[in-house]
Amino acid sequence: MKTSTHPHYHMIKVVMTDGTEFMTRSTLGTEGDTLNLDIDPKTHPAWTGGSQQLMDRGGRLSRFNSRFAGINFNKK
């Protein structure tokens, strides 16, 4: 087995949106790095049943709504 074909795994800290933390093995960054999640299973509609709203990070949704506000999509 070639040794140079496999990625180097190390421990990183993952911080969820509610502030909870856990350690996991990853190829991201270097040993001891921190991964801060913007969306996690506690806030994503796919896991929550769509009851929570996603936050508009970066104004993308606001920009879309302002750009297409005058278009009527055959709404009655």
C-alpha atoms as a PDB file:
ATOM      1  CA  MET A   1       0.000   0.000   0.000  1.00  0.00           C
ATOM      2  CA  LYS A   2       1.357   3.429  -0.942  1.00  0.00           C
ATOM      3  CA  THR A   3       1.883   5.704   2.039  1.00  0.00           C
ATOM      4  CA  SER A   4       1.649   8.985   0.097  1.00  0.00           C
ATOM      5  CA  THR A   5      -1.876   8.389  -1.254  1.00  0.00           C
ATOM      6  CA  HIS A   6      -3.732   8.548   2.057  1.00  0.00           C
ATOM      7  CA  PRO A   7      -4.552  11.873   3.746  1.00  0.00           C
ATOM      8  CA  HIS A   8      -3.189  12.725   7.182  1.00  0.00           C
ATOM      9  CA  TYR A   9      -5.940  12.541   9.820  1.00  0.00           C
ATOM     10  CA  HIS A  10      -5.659  14.549  13.027  1.00  0.00           C
ATOM     11  CA  MET A  11      -7.950  15.799  15.807  1.00  0.00           C
ATOM     12  CA  ILE A  12      -9.869  19.067  15.338  1.00  0.00           C
ATOM     13  CA  LYS A  13     -12.534  20.793  17.435  1.00  0.00           C
ATOM     14  CA  VAL A  14     -15.986  21.344  15.871  1.00  0.00           C
ATOM     15  CA  VAL A  15     -18.125  24.150  17.334  1.00  0.00           C
ATOM     16  CA  MET A  16     -21.868  23.886  16.614  1.00  0.00           C
ATOM     17  CA  THR A  17     -24.139  26.928  16.177  1.00  0.00           C
ATOM     18  CA  ASP A  18     -25.391  26.663  19.782  1.00  0.00           C
ATOM     19  CA  GLY A  19     -21.831  26.666  21.154  1.00  0.00           C
ATOM     20  CA  THR A  20     -21.490  22.961  21.925  1.00  0.00           C
ATOM     21  CA  GLU A  21     -18.129  21.501  20.991  1.00  0.00           C
ATOM     22  CA  PHE A  22     -16.783  18.075  20.149  1.00  0.00           C
ATOM     23  CA  MET A  23     -13.513  16.622  18.925  1.00  0.00           C
ATOM     24  CA  THR A  24     -13.299  14.564  15.745  1.00  0.00           C
ATOM     25  CA  ARG A  25     -10.744  13.242  13.300  1.00  0.00           C
ATOM     26  CA  SER A  26     -10.431  15.208  10.073  1.00  0.00           C
ATOM     27  CA  THR A  27      -8.130  16.105   7.203  1.00  0.00           C
ATOM     28  CA  LEU A  28      -9.067  19.802   7.594  1.00  0.00           C
ATOM     29  CA  GLY A  29      -6.211  22.147   8.498  1.00  0.00           C
ATOM     30  CA  THR A  30      -3.743  21.051  11.138  1.00  0.00           C
ATOM     31  CA  GLU A  31      -3.868  19.379  14.538  1.00  0.00           C
ATOM     32  CA  GLY A  32      -5.966  21.391  17.008  1.00  0.00           C
ATOM     33  CA  ASP A  33      -7.721  23.660  14.466  1.00  0.00           C
ATOM     34  CA  THR A  34     -11.323  24.748  15.096  1.00  0.00           C
ATOM     35  CA  LEU A  35     -14.215  24.374  12.633  1.00  0.00           C
ATOM     36  CA  ASN A  36     -17.117  26.763  13.382  1.00  0.00           C
ATOM     37  CA  LEU A  37     -20.359  25.600  11.773  1.00  0.00           C
ATOM     38  CA  ASP A  38     -22.891  28.065  10.321  1.00  0.00           C
ATOM     39  CA  ILE A  39     -25.531  25.376   9.790  1.00  0.00           C
ATOM     40  CA  ASP A  40     -25.727  22.118  11.719  1.00  0.00           C
ATOM     41  CA  PRO A  41     -28.307  19.345  12.217  1.00  0.00           C
ATOM     42  CA  LYS A  42     -29.962  21.337  15.034  1.00  0.00           C
ATOM     43  CA  THR A  43     -30.747  24.325  12.756  1.00  0.00           C
ATOM     44  CA  HIS A  44     -30.970  22.938   9.206  1.00  0.00           C
ATOM     45  CA  PRO A  45     -34.535  22.477   7.875  1.00  0.00           C
ATOM     46  CA  ALA A  46     -33.707  19.040   6.479  1.00  0.00           C
ATOM     47  CA  TRP A  47     -33.297  17.725  10.037  1.00  0.00           C
ATOM     48  CA  THR A  48     -35.715  20.012  11.883  1.00  0.00           C
ATOM     49  CA  GLY A  49     -38.687  19.469   9.592  1.00  0.00           C
ATOM     50  CA  GLY A  50     -38.526  22.978   8.185  1.00  0.00           C
ATOM     51  CA  SER A  51     -39.804  24.643  11.341  1.00  0.00           C
ATOM     52  CA  GLN A  52     -36.789  26.925  11.758  1.00  0.00           C
ATOM     53  CA  GLN A  53     -35.750  29.707   9.406  1.00  0.00           C
ATOM     54  CA  LEU A  54     -32.229  29.932   8.021  1.00  0.00           C
ATOM     55  CA  MET A  55     -30.403  33.146   8.778  1.00  0.00           C
ATOM     56  CA  ASP A  56     -29.626  35.383   5.805  1.00  0.00           C
ATOM     57  CA  ARG A  57     -25.825  35.390   5.988  1.00  0.00           C
ATOM     58  CA  GLY A  58     -24.258  37.836   3.575  1.00  0.00           C
ATOM     59  CA  GLY A  59     -27.520  39.378   2.365  1.00  0.00           C
ATOM     60  CA  ARG A  60     -28.036  36.883  -0.468  1.00  0.00           C
ATOM     61  CA  LEU A  61     -31.726  36.417   0.232  1.00  0.00           C
ATOM     62  CA  SER A  62     -32.283  40.155   0.656  1.00  0.00           C
ATOM     63  CA  ARG A  63     -30.443  40.858  -2.603  1.00  0.00           C
ATOM     64  CA  PHE A  64     -32.530  38.239  -4.438  1.00  0.00           C
ATOM     65  CA  ASN A  65     -35.799  39.605  -3.050  1.00  0.00           C
ATOM     66  CA  SER A  66     -34.930  43.184  -3.983  1.00  0.00           C
ATOM     67  CA  ARG A  67     -33.786  42.183  -7.483  1.00  0.00           C
ATOM     68  CA  PHE A  68     -36.914  40.180  -8.313  1.00  0.00           C
ATOM     69  CA  ALA A  69     -39.500  42.066  -6.237  1.00  0.00           C
ATOM     70  CA  GLY A  70     -41.370  43.428  -9.285  1.00  0.00           C
ATOM     71  CA  ILE A  71     -41.707  40.120 -11.119  1.00  0.00           C
ATOM     72  CA  ASN A  72     -45.116  38.459 -10.941  1.00  0.00           C
ATOM     73  CA  PHE A  73     -44.808  34.672 -11.069  1.00  0.00           C
ATOM     74  CA  ASN A  74     -48.505  34.190 -11.984  1.00  0.00           C
ATOM     75  CA  LYS A  75     -49.565  34.660  -8.389  1.00  0.00           C
ATOM     76  CA  LYS A  76     -53.287  35.168  -7.973  1.00  0.00           C
END
